[in-house]
Amino acid sequence: MPLERSLIGVFAALIGCTFASTAQAASEHEMVVVGSALYQVCGQKHPEKELSLEQYISLHPHMSTQLANDIREFSSQPEHKAELETTVLRMRTEATQDLLEVVCDSYYRDAKKRE
């Protein structure tokens, strides 16, 4: 199980790197946008399942408090809607759908185990 979790983390990081505009590490803003978009993508892939933003954040125990707060704020602010929608669209078209399926399924499975 720990290996599976670390692989999922690596996959999520790879998805994030897909959207980084340079070879440098993703900026904090890019991490916020990708984190918010991944939550949206998983919700769209599995509309029949419920995963709150708080549950999604809690599934990332190494996420900093600042990053978690930034994701909450970014996800809730109407002025970020266009950027979020664009990133969701890019993620749904550019990322490997099998990879997204594995990552999203892991979120729902892990959230259910915590209940």
PDB file of N, CA and C in Angstrom:
ATOM      1  N   MET A   1       0.805  -1.196   0.000  1.00  0.00           N
ATOM      2  CA  MET A   1       0.000   0.000   0.000  1.00  0.00           C
ATOM      3  C   MET A   1       0.858   1.276   0.000  1.00  0.00           C
ATOM      4  N   PRO A   2       1.938   1.367   0.811  1.00  0.00           N
ATOM      5  CA  PRO A   2       2.757   2.579   0.769  1.00  0.00           C
ATOM      6  C   PRO A   2       3.353   2.816  -0.610  1.00  0.00           C
ATOM      7  N   LEU A   3       3.764   1.732  -1.291  1.00  0.00           N
ATOM      8  CA  LEU A   3       4.316   1.890  -2.632  1.00  0.00           C
ATOM      9  C   LEU A   3       3.262   2.437  -3.568  1.00  0.00           C
ATOM     10  N   GLU A   4       2.023   1.920  -3.453  1.00  0.00           N
ATOM     11  CA  GLU A   4       0.934   2.397  -4.303  1.00  0.00           C
ATOM     12  C   GLU A   4       0.694   3.890  -4.057  1.00  0.00           C
ATOM     13  N   ARG A   5       0.694   4.304  -2.808  1.00  0.00           N
ATOM     14  CA  ARG A   5       0.484   5.723  -2.480  1.00  0.00           C
ATOM     15  C   ARG A   5       1.599   6.590  -3.048  1.00  0.00           C
ATOM     16  N   SER A   6       2.845   6.103  -2.948  1.00  0.00           N
ATOM     17  CA  SER A   6       3.943   6.910  -3.466  1.00  0.00           C
ATOM     18  C   SER A   6       3.879   6.993  -4.983  1.00  0.00           C
ATOM     19  N   LEU A   7       3.469   5.918  -5.639  1.00  0.00           N
ATOM     20  CA  LEU A   7       3.330   5.956  -7.096  1.00  0.00           C
ATOM     21  C   LEU A   7       2.234   6.923  -7.506  1.00  0.00           C
ATOM     22  N   ILE A   8       1.140   6.923  -6.771  1.00  0.00           N
ATOM     23  CA  ILE A   8       0.052   7.849  -7.083  1.00  0.00           C
ATOM     24  C   ILE A   8       0.531   9.284  -6.907  1.00  0.00           C
ATOM     25  N   GLY A   9       1.327   9.529  -5.868  1.00  0.00           N
ATOM     26  CA  GLY A   9       1.888  10.862  -5.678  1.00  0.00           C
ATOM     27  C   GLY A   9       2.787  11.262  -6.830  1.00  0.00           C
ATOM     28  N   VAL A  10       3.580  10.307  -7.295  1.00  0.00           N
ATOM     29  CA  VAL A  10       4.457  10.571  -8.436  1.00  0.00           C
ATOM     30  C   VAL A  10       3.616  10.862  -9.674  1.00  0.00           C
ATOM     31  N   PHE A  11       2.548  10.078  -9.886  1.00  0.00           N
ATOM     32  CA  PHE A  11       1.683  10.297 -11.038  1.00  0.00           C
ATOM     33  C   PHE A  11       1.037  11.671 -10.972  1.00  0.00           C
ATOM     34  N   ALA A  12       0.565  12.046  -9.794  1.00  0.00           N
ATOM     35  CA  ALA A  12      -0.056  13.369  -9.650  1.00  0.00           C
ATOM     36  C   ALA A  12       0.969  14.465  -9.934  1.00  0.00           C
ATOM     37  N   ALA A  13       2.196  14.266  -9.477  1.00  0.00           N
ATOM     38  CA  ALA A  13       3.246  15.255  -9.754  1.00  0.00           C
ATOM     39  C   ALA A  13       3.532  15.339 -11.247  1.00  0.00           C
ATOM     40  N   LEU A  14       3.521  14.182 -11.910  1.00  0.00           N
ATOM     41  CA  LEU A  14       3.743  14.180 -13.358  1.00  0.00           C
ATOM     42  C   LEU A  14       2.636  14.918 -14.086  1.00  0.00           C
ATOM     43  N   ILE A  15       1.405  14.733 -13.638  1.00  0.00           N
ATOM     44  CA  ILE A  15       0.303  15.471 -14.243  1.00  0.00           C
ATOM     45  C   ILE A  15       0.543  16.963 -14.067  1.00  0.00           C
ATOM     46  N   GLY A  16       0.960  17.352 -12.868  1.00  0.00           N
ATOM     47  CA  GLY A  16       1.247  18.758 -12.612  1.00  0.00           C
ATOM     48  C   GLY A  16       2.357  19.278 -13.491  1.00  0.00           C
ATOM     49  N   CYS A  17       3.388  18.468 -13.686  1.00  0.00           N
ATOM     50  CA  CYS A  17       4.509  18.898 -14.519  1.00  0.00           C
ATOM     51  C   CYS A  17       4.100  19.047 -15.972  1.00  0.00           C
ATOM     52  N   THR A  18       3.076  18.322 -16.381  1.00  0.00           N
ATOM     53  CA  THR A  18       2.580  18.439 -17.747  1.00  0.00           C
ATOM     54  C   THR A  18       2.191  19.876 -18.053  1.00  0.00           C
ATOM     55  N   PHE A  19       1.731  20.571 -17.028  1.00  0.00           N
ATOM     56  CA  PHE A  19       1.211  21.909 -17.231  1.00  0.00           C
ATOM     57  C   PHE A  19       2.195  23.007 -16.879  1.00  0.00           C
ATOM     58  N   ALA A  20       3.364  22.634 -16.385  1.00  0.00           N
ATOM     59  CA  ALA A  20       4.379  23.649 -16.083  1.00  0.00           C
ATOM     60  C   ALA A  20       4.897  24.202 -17.409  1.00  0.00           C
ATOM     61  N   SER A  21       5.000  25.501 -17.495  1.00  0.00           N
ATOM     62  CA  SER A  21       5.367  26.119 -18.767  1.00  0.00           C
ATOM     63  C   SER A  21       6.871  26.100 -19.029  1.00  0.00           C
ATOM     64  N   THR A  22       7.655  25.794 -18.024  1.00  0.00           N
ATOM     65  CA  THR A  22       9.104  25.733 -18.216  1.00  0.00           C
ATOM     66  C   THR A  22       9.626  24.447 -17.613  1.00  0.00           C
ATOM     67  N   ALA A  23      10.905  24.191 -17.813  1.00  0.00           N
ATOM     68  CA  ALA A  23      11.528  23.001 -17.242  1.00  0.00           C
ATOM     69  C   ALA A  23      11.796  23.167 -15.751  1.00  0.00           C
ATOM     70  N   GLN A  24      11.612  24.386 -15.233  1.00  0.00           N
ATOM     71  CA  GLN A  24      11.823  24.640 -13.810  1.00  0.00           C
ATOM     72  C   GLN A  24      10.667  24.047 -13.020  1.00  0.00           C
ATOM     73  N   ALA A  25      10.867  23.943 -11.721  1.00  0.00           N
ATOM     74  CA  ALA A  25       9.812  23.431 -10.855  1.00  0.00           C
ATOM     75  C   ALA A  25       8.578  24.310 -10.984  1.00  0.00           C
ATOM     76  N   ALA A  26       7.436  23.672 -10.835  1.00  0.00           N
ATOM     77  CA  ALA A  26       6.181  24.403 -10.938  1.00  0.00           C
ATOM     78  C   ALA A  26       6.126  25.488  -9.864  1.00  0.00           C
ATOM     79  N   SER A  27       5.611  26.632 -10.245  1.00  0.00           N
ATOM     80  CA  SER A  27       5.457  27.711  -9.272  1.00  0.00           C
ATOM     81  C   SER A  27       4.338  27.353  -8.296  1.00  0.00           C
ATOM     82  N   GLU A  28       4.295  28.078  -7.200  1.00  0.00           N
ATOM     83  CA  GLU A  28       3.241  27.833  -6.221  1.00  0.00           C
ATOM     84  C   GLU A  28       1.871  28.048  -6.864  1.00  0.00           C
ATOM     85  N   HIS A  29       1.755  29.066  -7.701  1.00  0.00           N
ATOM     86  CA  HIS A  29       0.475  29.320  -8.368  1.00  0.00           C
ATOM     87  C   HIS A  29       0.082  28.134  -9.252  1.00  0.00           C
ATOM     88  N   GLU A  30       1.034  27.600 -10.003  1.00  0.00           N
ATOM     89  CA  GLU A  30       0.739  26.445 -10.850  1.00  0.00           C
ATOM     90  C   GLU A  30       0.309  25.244 -10.018  1.00  0.00           C
ATOM     91  N   MET A  31       0.937  25.052  -8.867  1.00  0.00           N
ATOM     92  CA  MET A  31       0.551  23.946  -7.992  1.00  0.00           C
ATOM     93  C   MET A  31      -0.873  24.135  -7.483  1.00  0.00           C
ATOM     94  N   VAL A  32      -1.235  25.358  -7.156  1.00  0.00           N
ATOM     95  CA  VAL A  32      -2.593  25.655  -6.706  1.00  0.00           C
ATOM     96  C   VAL A  32      -3.594  25.372  -7.825  1.00  0.00           C
ATOM     97  N   VAL A  33      -3.282  25.849  -9.016  1.00  0.00           N
ATOM     98  CA  VAL A  33      -4.189  25.668 -10.155  1.00  0.00           C
ATOM     99  C   VAL A  33      -4.348  24.184 -10.477  1.00  0.00           C
ATOM    100  N   VAL A  34      -3.239  23.456 -10.555  1.00  0.00           N
ATOM    101  CA  VAL A  34      -3.301  22.027 -10.889  1.00  0.00           C
ATOM    102  C   VAL A  34      -3.992  21.242  -9.779  1.00  0.00           C
ATOM    103  N   GLY A  35      -3.714  21.562  -8.524  1.00  0.00           N
ATOM    104  CA  GLY A  35      -4.394  20.888  -7.413  1.00  0.00           C
ATOM    105  C   GLY A  35      -5.896  21.098  -7.466  1.00  0.00           C
ATOM    106  N   SER A  36      -6.299  22.319  -7.738  1.00  0.00           N
ATOM    107  CA  SER A  36      -7.732  22.635  -7.851  1.00  0.00           C
ATOM    108  C   SER A  36      -8.343  21.940  -9.058  1.00  0.00           C
ATOM    109  N   ALA A  37      -7.613  21.939 -10.168  1.00  0.00           N
ATOM    110  CA  ALA A  37      -8.122  21.315 -11.393  1.00  0.00           C
ATOM    111  C   ALA A  37      -8.247  19.804 -11.245  1.00  0.00           C
ATOM    112  N   LEU A  38      -7.281  19.180 -10.583  1.00  0.00           N
ATOM    113  CA  LEU A  38      -7.354  17.731 -10.396  1.00  0.00           C
ATOM    114  C   LEU A  38      -8.578  17.370  -9.568  1.00  0.00           C
ATOM    115  N   TYR A  39      -8.881  18.160  -8.559  1.00  0.00           N
ATOM    116  CA  TYR A  39     -10.096  17.930  -7.768  1.00  0.00           C
ATOM    117  C   TYR A  39     -11.331  18.019  -8.668  1.00  0.00           C
ATOM    118  N   GLN A  40     -11.373  19.015  -9.542  1.00  0.00           N
ATOM    119  CA  GLN A  40     -12.502  19.187 -10.458  1.00  0.00           C
ATOM    120  C   GLN A  40     -12.608  18.017 -11.435  1.00  0.00           C
ATOM    121  N   VAL A  41     -11.474  17.613 -12.012  1.00  0.00           N
ATOM    122  CA  VAL A  41     -11.456  16.516 -12.982  1.00  0.00           C
ATOM    123  C   VAL A  41     -11.982  15.233 -12.348  1.00  0.00           C
ATOM    124  N   CYS A  42     -11.524  14.934 -11.157  1.00  0.00           N
ATOM    125  CA  CYS A  42     -11.975  13.710 -10.489  1.00  0.00           C
ATOM    126  C   CYS A  42     -13.478  13.773 -10.194  1.00  0.00           C
ATOM    127  N   GLY A  43     -13.963  14.935  -9.823  1.00  0.00           N
ATOM    128  CA  GLY A  43     -15.400  15.095  -9.606  1.00  0.00           C
ATOM    129  C   GLY A  43     -16.199  14.892 -10.876  1.00  0.00           C
ATOM    130  N   GLN A  44     -15.659  15.332 -11.998  1.00  0.00           N
ATOM    131  CA  GLN A  44     -16.330  15.151 -13.282  1.00  0.00           C
ATOM    132  C   GLN A  44     -16.257  13.701 -13.742  1.00  0.00           C
ATOM    133  N   LYS A  45     -15.159  13.030 -13.459  1.00  0.00           N
ATOM    134  CA  LYS A  45     -15.007  11.628 -13.863  1.00  0.00           C
ATOM    135  C   LYS A  45     -15.928  10.725 -13.053  1.00  0.00           C
ATOM    136  N   HIS A  46     -16.228  11.121 -11.835  1.00  0.00           N
ATOM    137  CA  HIS A  46     -17.053  10.305 -10.942  1.00  0.00           C
ATOM    138  C   HIS A  46     -18.130  11.154 -10.272  1.00  0.00           C
ATOM    139  N   PRO A  47     -19.089  11.662 -11.048  1.00  0.00           N
ATOM    140  CA  PRO A  47     -20.112  12.525 -10.437  1.00  0.00           C
ATOM    141  C   PRO A  47     -21.005  11.796  -9.432  1.00  0.00           C
ATOM    142  N   GLU A  48     -21.038  10.473  -9.527  1.00  0.00           N
ATOM    143  CA  GLU A  48     -21.878   9.701  -8.619  1.00  0.00           C
ATOM    144  C   GLU A  48     -21.259   9.551  -7.226  1.00  0.00           C
ATOM    145  N   LYS A  49     -19.976   9.861  -7.118  1.00  0.00           N
ATOM    146  CA  LYS A  49     -19.284   9.745  -5.837  1.00  0.00           C
ATOM    147  C   LYS A  49     -19.103  11.133  -5.244  1.00  0.00           C
ATOM    148  N   GLU A  50     -19.040  11.185  -3.941  1.00  0.00           N
ATOM    149  CA  GLU A  50     -18.870  12.469  -3.275  1.00  0.00           C
ATOM    150  C   GLU A  50     -17.490  12.541  -2.637  1.00  0.00           C
ATOM    151  N   LEU A  51     -16.803  13.620  -2.920  1.00  0.00           N
ATOM    152  CA  LEU A  51     -15.516  13.897  -2.294  1.00  0.00           C
ATOM    153  C   LEU A  51     -15.444  15.405  -2.130  1.00  0.00           C
ATOM    154  N   SER A  52     -15.533  15.842  -0.896  1.00  0.00           N
ATOM    155  CA  SER A  52     -15.489  17.285  -0.661  1.00  0.00           C
ATOM    156  C   SER A  52     -14.066  17.791  -0.860  1.00  0.00           C
ATOM    157  N   LEU A  53     -13.954  19.087  -1.047  1.00  0.00           N
ATOM    158  CA  LEU A  53     -12.638  19.697  -1.186  1.00  0.00           C
ATOM    159  C   LEU A  53     -11.807  19.441   0.072  1.00  0.00           C
ATOM    160  N   GLU A  54     -12.436  19.472   1.224  1.00  0.00           N
ATOM    161  CA  GLU A  54     -11.717  19.222   2.481  1.00  0.00           C
ATOM    162  C   GLU A  54     -11.206  17.785   2.544  1.00  0.00           C
ATOM    163  N   GLN A  55     -12.019  16.832   2.087  1.00  0.00           N
ATOM    164  CA  GLN A  55     -11.557  15.443   2.049  1.00  0.00           C
ATOM    165  C   GLN A  55     -10.381  15.305   1.092  1.00  0.00           C
ATOM    166  N   TYR A  56     -10.496  15.932  -0.077  1.00  0.00           N
ATOM    167  CA  TYR A  56      -9.431  15.889  -1.077  1.00  0.00           C
ATOM    168  C   TYR A  56      -8.130  16.435  -0.491  1.00  0.00           C
ATOM    169  N   ILE A  57      -8.206  17.561   0.185  1.00  0.00           N
ATOM    170  CA  ILE A  57      -7.013  18.157   0.795  1.00  0.00           C
ATOM    171  C   ILE A  57      -6.452  17.244   1.881  1.00  0.00           C
ATOM    172  N   SER A  58      -7.328  16.635   2.674  1.00  0.00           N
ATOM    173  CA  SER A  58      -6.865  15.764   3.760  1.00  0.00           C
ATOM    174  C   SER A  58      -6.148  14.521   3.243  1.00  0.00           C
ATOM    175  N   LEU A  59      -6.374  14.162   1.982  1.00  0.00           N
ATOM    176  CA  LEU A  59      -5.711  12.993   1.399  1.00  0.00           C
ATOM    177  C   LEU A  59      -4.271  13.301   0.990  1.00  0.00           C
ATOM    178  N   HIS A  60      -3.841  14.533   1.200  1.00  0.00           N
ATOM    179  CA  HIS A  60      -2.469  14.959   0.892  1.00  0.00           C
ATOM    180  C   HIS A  60      -1.803  15.403   2.192  1.00  0.00           C
ATOM    181  N   PRO A  61      -1.394  14.437   3.022  1.00  0.00           N
ATOM    182  CA  PRO A  61      -0.879  14.788   4.353  1.00  0.00           C
ATOM    183  C   PRO A  61       0.389  15.642   4.335  1.00  0.00           C
ATOM    184  N   HIS A  62       1.116  15.645   3.235  1.00  0.00           N
ATOM    185  CA  HIS A  62       2.347  16.435   3.177  1.00  0.00           C
ATOM    186  C   HIS A  62       2.125  17.810   2.555  1.00  0.00           C
ATOM    187  N   MET A  63       0.882  18.106   2.214  1.00  0.00           N
ATOM    188  CA  MET A  63       0.572  19.418   1.639  1.00  0.00           C
ATOM    189  C   MET A  63       0.715  20.475   2.733  1.00  0.00           C
ATOM    190  N   SER A  64       1.372  21.556   2.407  1.00  0.00           N
ATOM    191  CA  SER A  64       1.538  22.617   3.397  1.00  0.00           C
ATOM    192  C   SER A  64       0.197  23.283   3.681  1.00  0.00           C
ATOM    193  N   THR A  65       0.096  23.857   4.851  1.00  0.00           N
ATOM    194  CA  THR A  65      -1.120  24.582   5.231  1.00  0.00           C
ATOM    195  C   THR A  65      -1.366  25.731   4.262  1.00  0.00           C
ATOM    196  N   GLN A  66      -0.306  26.406   3.857  1.00  0.00           N
ATOM    197  CA  GLN A  66      -0.442  27.528   2.919  1.00  0.00           C
ATOM    198  C   GLN A  66      -0.998  27.054   1.578  1.00  0.00           C
ATOM    199  N   LEU A  67      -0.459  25.951   1.049  1.00  0.00           N
ATOM    200  CA  LEU A  67      -0.948  25.431  -0.228  1.00  0.00           C
ATOM    201  C   LEU A  67      -2.403  25.003  -0.108  1.00  0.00           C
ATOM    202  N   ALA A  68      -2.762  24.342   0.982  1.00  0.00           N
ATOM    203  CA  ALA A  68      -4.149  23.934   1.196  1.00  0.00           C
ATOM    204  C   ALA A  68      -5.071  25.156   1.230  1.00  0.00           C
ATOM    205  N   ASN A  69      -4.662  26.188   1.947  1.00  0.00           N
ATOM    206  CA  ASN A  69      -5.467  27.413   2.016  1.00  0.00           C
ATOM    207  C   ASN A  69      -5.583  28.088   0.646  1.00  0.00           C
ATOM    208  N   ASP A  70      -4.481  28.076  -0.106  1.00  0.00           N
ATOM    209  CA  ASP A  70      -4.506  28.680  -1.437  1.00  0.00           C
ATOM    210  C   ASP A  70      -5.440  27.906  -2.380  1.00  0.00           C
ATOM    211  N   ILE A  71      -5.444  26.583  -2.279  1.00  0.00           N
ATOM    212  CA  ILE A  71      -6.347  25.772  -3.109  1.00  0.00           C
ATOM    213  C   ILE A  71      -7.793  26.062  -2.735  1.00  0.00           C
ATOM    214  N   ARG A  72      -8.080  26.155  -1.441  1.00  0.00           N
ATOM    215  CA  ARG A  72      -9.447  26.481  -1.003  1.00  0.00           C
ATOM    216  C   ARG A  72      -9.885  27.832  -1.587  1.00  0.00           C
ATOM    217  N   GLU A  73      -9.013  28.814  -1.449  1.00  0.00           N
ATOM    218  CA  GLU A  73      -9.345  30.157  -1.917  1.00  0.00           C
ATOM    219  C   GLU A  73      -9.499  30.186  -3.439  1.00  0.00           C
ATOM    220  N   PHE A  74      -8.547  29.602  -4.147  1.00  0.00           N
ATOM    221  CA  PHE A  74      -8.578  29.606  -5.613  1.00  0.00           C
ATOM    222  C   PHE A  74      -9.837  28.918  -6.124  1.00  0.00           C
ATOM    223  N   SER A  75     -10.183  27.790  -5.522  1.00  0.00           N
ATOM    224  CA  SER A  75     -11.347  27.017  -5.968  1.00  0.00           C
ATOM    225  C   SER A  75     -12.664  27.750  -5.755  1.00  0.00           C
ATOM    226  N   SER A  76     -12.686  28.650  -4.783  1.00  0.00           N
ATOM    227  CA  SER A  76     -13.944  29.312  -4.438  1.00  0.00           C
ATOM    228  C   SER A  76     -14.119  30.705  -5.037  1.00  0.00           C
ATOM    229  N   GLN A  77     -13.079  31.250  -5.645  1.00  0.00           N
ATOM    230  CA  GLN A  77     -13.145  32.619  -6.139  1.00  0.00           C
ATOM    231  C   GLN A  77     -13.595  32.672  -7.600  1.00  0.00           C
ATOM    232  N   PRO A  78     -14.681  33.374  -7.888  1.00  0.00           N
ATOM    233  CA  PRO A  78     -15.194  33.463  -9.258  1.00  0.00           C
ATOM    234  C   PRO A  78     -14.190  34.034 -10.262  1.00  0.00           C
ATOM    235  N   GLU A  79     -13.296  34.895  -9.806  1.00  0.00           N
ATOM    236  CA  GLU A  79     -12.344  35.494 -10.745  1.00  0.00           C
ATOM    237  C   GLU A  79     -11.328  34.475 -11.280  1.00  0.00           C
ATOM    238  N   HIS A  80     -11.248  33.300 -10.658  1.00  0.00           N
ATOM    239  CA  HIS A  80     -10.327  32.260 -11.119  1.00  0.00           C
ATOM    240  C   HIS A  80     -11.033  31.206 -11.973  1.00  0.00           C
ATOM    241  N   LYS A  81     -12.322  31.367 -12.183  1.00  0.00           N
ATOM    242  CA  LYS A  81     -13.115  30.359 -12.874  1.00  0.00           C
ATOM    243  C   LYS A  81     -12.566  30.041 -14.273  1.00  0.00           C
ATOM    244  N   ALA A  82     -12.238  31.048 -15.050  1.00  0.00           N
ATOM    245  CA  ALA A  82     -11.762  30.822 -16.424  1.00  0.00           C
ATOM    246  C   ALA A  82     -10.435  30.059 -16.426  1.00  0.00           C
ATOM    247  N   GLU A  83      -9.509  30.459 -15.558  1.00  0.00           N
ATOM    248  CA  GLU A  83      -8.220  29.767 -15.492  1.00  0.00           C
ATOM    249  C   GLU A  83      -8.404  28.315 -15.053  1.00  0.00           C
ATOM    250  N   LEU A  84      -9.281  28.094 -14.084  1.00  0.00           N
ATOM    251  CA  LEU A  84      -9.547  26.745 -13.606  1.00  0.00           C
ATOM    252  C   LEU A  84     -10.170  25.899 -14.711  1.00  0.00           C
ATOM    253  N   GLU A  85     -11.154  26.449 -15.412  1.00  0.00           N
ATOM    254  CA  GLU A  85     -11.803  25.708 -16.490  1.00  0.00           C
ATOM    255  C   GLU A  85     -10.825  25.366 -17.612  1.00  0.00           C
ATOM    256  N   THR A  86      -9.940  26.288 -17.946  1.00  0.00           N
ATOM    257  CA  THR A  86      -8.934  26.038 -18.981  1.00  0.00           C
ATOM    258  C   THR A  86      -7.995  24.914 -18.565  1.00  0.00           C
ATOM    259  N   THR A  87      -7.573  24.921 -17.311  1.00  0.00           N
ATOM    260  CA  THR A  87      -6.666  23.888 -16.816  1.00  0.00           C
ATOM    261  C   THR A  87      -7.362  22.537 -16.762  1.00  0.00           C
ATOM    262  N   VAL A  88      -8.623  22.519 -16.352  1.00  0.00           N
ATOM    263  CA  VAL A  88      -9.391  21.270 -16.335  1.00  0.00           C
ATOM    264  C   VAL A  88      -9.480  20.708 -17.748  1.00  0.00           C
ATOM    265  N   LEU A  89      -9.784  21.566 -18.700  1.00  0.00           N
ATOM    266  CA  LEU A  89      -9.887  21.130 -20.091  1.00  0.00           C
ATOM    267  C   LEU A  89      -8.557  20.565 -20.587  1.00  0.00           C
ATOM    268  N   ARG A  90      -7.470  21.272 -20.299  1.00  0.00           N
ATOM    269  CA  ARG A  90      -6.144  20.786 -20.715  1.00  0.00           C
ATOM    270  C   ARG A  90      -5.830  19.450 -20.068  1.00  0.00           C
ATOM    271  N   MET A  91      -6.150  19.319 -18.788  1.00  0.00           N
ATOM    272  CA  MET A  91      -5.864  18.082 -18.076  1.00  0.00           C
ATOM    273  C   MET A  91      -6.672  16.924 -18.672  1.00  0.00           C
ATOM    274  N   ARG A  92      -7.906  17.187 -18.997  1.00  0.00           N
ATOM    275  CA  ARG A  92      -8.758  16.134 -19.552  1.00  0.00           C
ATOM    276  C   ARG A  92      -8.333  15.736 -20.962  1.00  0.00           C
ATOM    277  N   THR A  93      -7.674  16.619 -21.692  1.00  0.00           N
ATOM    278  CA  THR A  93      -7.285  16.303 -23.059  1.00  0.00           C
ATOM    279  C   THR A  93      -5.821  15.912 -23.194  1.00  0.00           C
ATOM    280  N   GLU A  94      -4.946  16.450 -22.343  1.00  0.00           N
ATOM    281  CA  GLU A  94      -3.516  16.195 -22.484  1.00  0.00           C
ATOM    282  C   GLU A  94      -2.996  15.082 -21.582  1.00  0.00           C
ATOM    283  N   ALA A  95      -3.584  14.915 -20.429  1.00  0.00           N
ATOM    284  CA  ALA A  95      -3.098  13.896 -19.497  1.00  0.00           C
ATOM    285  C   ALA A  95      -3.599  12.524 -19.939  1.00  0.00           C
ATOM    286  N   THR A  96      -2.859  11.504 -19.601  1.00  0.00           N
ATOM    287  CA  THR A  96      -3.266  10.138 -19.900  1.00  0.00           C
ATOM    288  C   THR A  96      -4.511   9.820 -19.084  1.00  0.00           C
ATOM    289  N   GLN A  97      -5.575   9.458 -19.771  1.00  0.00           N
ATOM    290  CA  GLN A  97      -6.842   9.212 -19.088  1.00  0.00           C
ATOM    291  C   GLN A  97      -6.754   8.024 -18.132  1.00  0.00           C
ATOM    292  N   ASP A  98      -5.969   7.018 -18.476  1.00  0.00           N
ATOM    293  CA  ASP A  98      -5.785   5.882 -17.571  1.00  0.00           C
ATOM    294  C   ASP A  98      -5.127   6.335 -16.277  1.00  0.00           C
ATOM    295  N   LEU A  99      -4.159   7.231 -16.392  1.00  0.00           N
ATOM    296  CA  LEU A  99      -3.485   7.764 -15.212  1.00  0.00           C
ATOM    297  C   LEU A  99      -4.462   8.561 -14.355  1.00  0.00           C
ATOM    298  N   LEU A 100      -5.255   9.405 -14.977  1.00  0.00           N
ATOM    299  CA  LEU A 100      -6.256  10.168 -14.232  1.00  0.00           C
ATOM    300  C   LEU A 100      -7.232   9.234 -13.530  1.00  0.00           C
ATOM    301  N   GLU A 101      -7.611   8.157 -14.205  1.00  0.00           N
ATOM    302  CA  GLU A 101      -8.544   7.201 -13.607  1.00  0.00           C
ATOM    303  C   GLU A 101      -7.944   6.575 -12.351  1.00  0.00           C
ATOM    304  N   VAL A 102      -6.679   6.193 -12.405  1.00  0.00           N
ATOM    305  CA  VAL A 102      -6.007   5.591 -11.253  1.00  0.00           C
ATOM    306  C   VAL A 102      -5.925   6.596 -10.107  1.00  0.00           C
ATOM    307  N   VAL A 103      -5.507   7.813 -10.417  1.00  0.00           N
ATOM    308  CA  VAL A 103      -5.369   8.840  -9.384  1.00  0.00           C
ATOM    309  C   VAL A 103      -6.725   9.148  -8.757  1.00  0.00           C
ATOM    310  N   CYS A 104      -7.735   9.366  -9.582  1.00  0.00           N
ATOM    311  CA  CYS A 104      -9.062   9.709  -9.063  1.00  0.00           C
ATOM    312  C   CYS A 104      -9.640   8.563  -8.239  1.00  0.00           C
ATOM    313  N   ASP A 105      -9.527   7.335  -8.736  1.00  0.00           N
ATOM    314  CA  ASP A 105     -10.043   6.193  -7.986  1.00  0.00           C
ATOM    315  C   ASP A 105      -9.362   6.080  -6.628  1.00  0.00           C
ATOM    316  N   SER A 106      -8.066   6.387  -6.580  1.00  0.00           N
ATOM    317  CA  SER A 106      -7.356   6.291  -5.307  1.00  0.00           C
ATOM    318  C   SER A 106      -7.896   7.308  -4.303  1.00  0.00           C
ATOM    319  N   TYR A 107      -8.255   8.493  -4.773  1.00  0.00           N
ATOM    320  CA  TYR A 107      -8.813   9.499  -3.864  1.00  0.00           C
ATOM    321  C   TYR A 107     -10.101   9.005  -3.223  1.00  0.00           C
ATOM    322  N   TYR A 108     -10.990   8.452  -4.032  1.00  0.00           N
ATOM    323  CA  TYR A 108     -12.267   7.990  -3.504  1.00  0.00           C
ATOM    324  C   TYR A 108     -12.083   6.794  -2.583  1.00  0.00           C
ATOM    325  N   ARG A 109     -11.200   5.882  -2.948  1.00  0.00           N
ATOM    326  CA  ARG A 109     -10.933   4.708  -2.123  1.00  0.00           C
ATOM    327  C   ARG A 109     -10.335   5.150  -0.786  1.00  0.00           C
ATOM    328  N   ASP A 110      -9.342   6.025  -0.815  1.00  0.00           N
ATOM    329  CA  ASP A 110      -8.707   6.469   0.416  1.00  0.00           C
ATOM    330  C   ASP A 110      -9.666   7.265   1.307  1.00  0.00           C
ATOM    331  N   ALA A 111     -10.518   8.078   0.686  1.00  0.00           N
ATOM    332  CA  ALA A 111     -11.489   8.856   1.464  1.00  0.00           C
ATOM    333  C   ALA A 111     -12.481   7.916   2.155  1.00  0.00           C
ATOM    334  N   LYS A 112     -12.887   6.873   1.464  1.00  0.00           N
ATOM    335  CA  LYS A 112     -13.835   5.929   2.035  1.00  0.00           C
ATOM    336  C   LYS A 112     -13.204   5.188   3.214  1.00  0.00           C
ATOM    337  N   LYS A 113     -11.918   4.855   3.106  1.00  0.00           N
ATOM    338  CA  LYS A 113     -11.216   4.157   4.205  1.00  0.00           C
ATOM    339  C   LYS A 113     -11.139   5.024   5.446  1.00  0.00           C
ATOM    340  N   ARG A 114     -11.109   6.336   5.278  1.00  0.00           N
ATOM    341  CA  ARG A 114     -10.980   7.259   6.416  1.00  0.00           C
ATOM    342  C   ARG A 114     -12.303   7.481   7.136  1.00  0.00           C
ATOM    343  N   GLU A 115     -13.407   7.092   6.503  1.00  0.00           N
ATOM    344  CA  GLU A 115     -14.728   7.318   7.121  1.00  0.00           C
ATOM    345  C   GLU A 115     -14.915   6.481   8.353  1.00  0.00           C
TER     346      GLU A 115
END
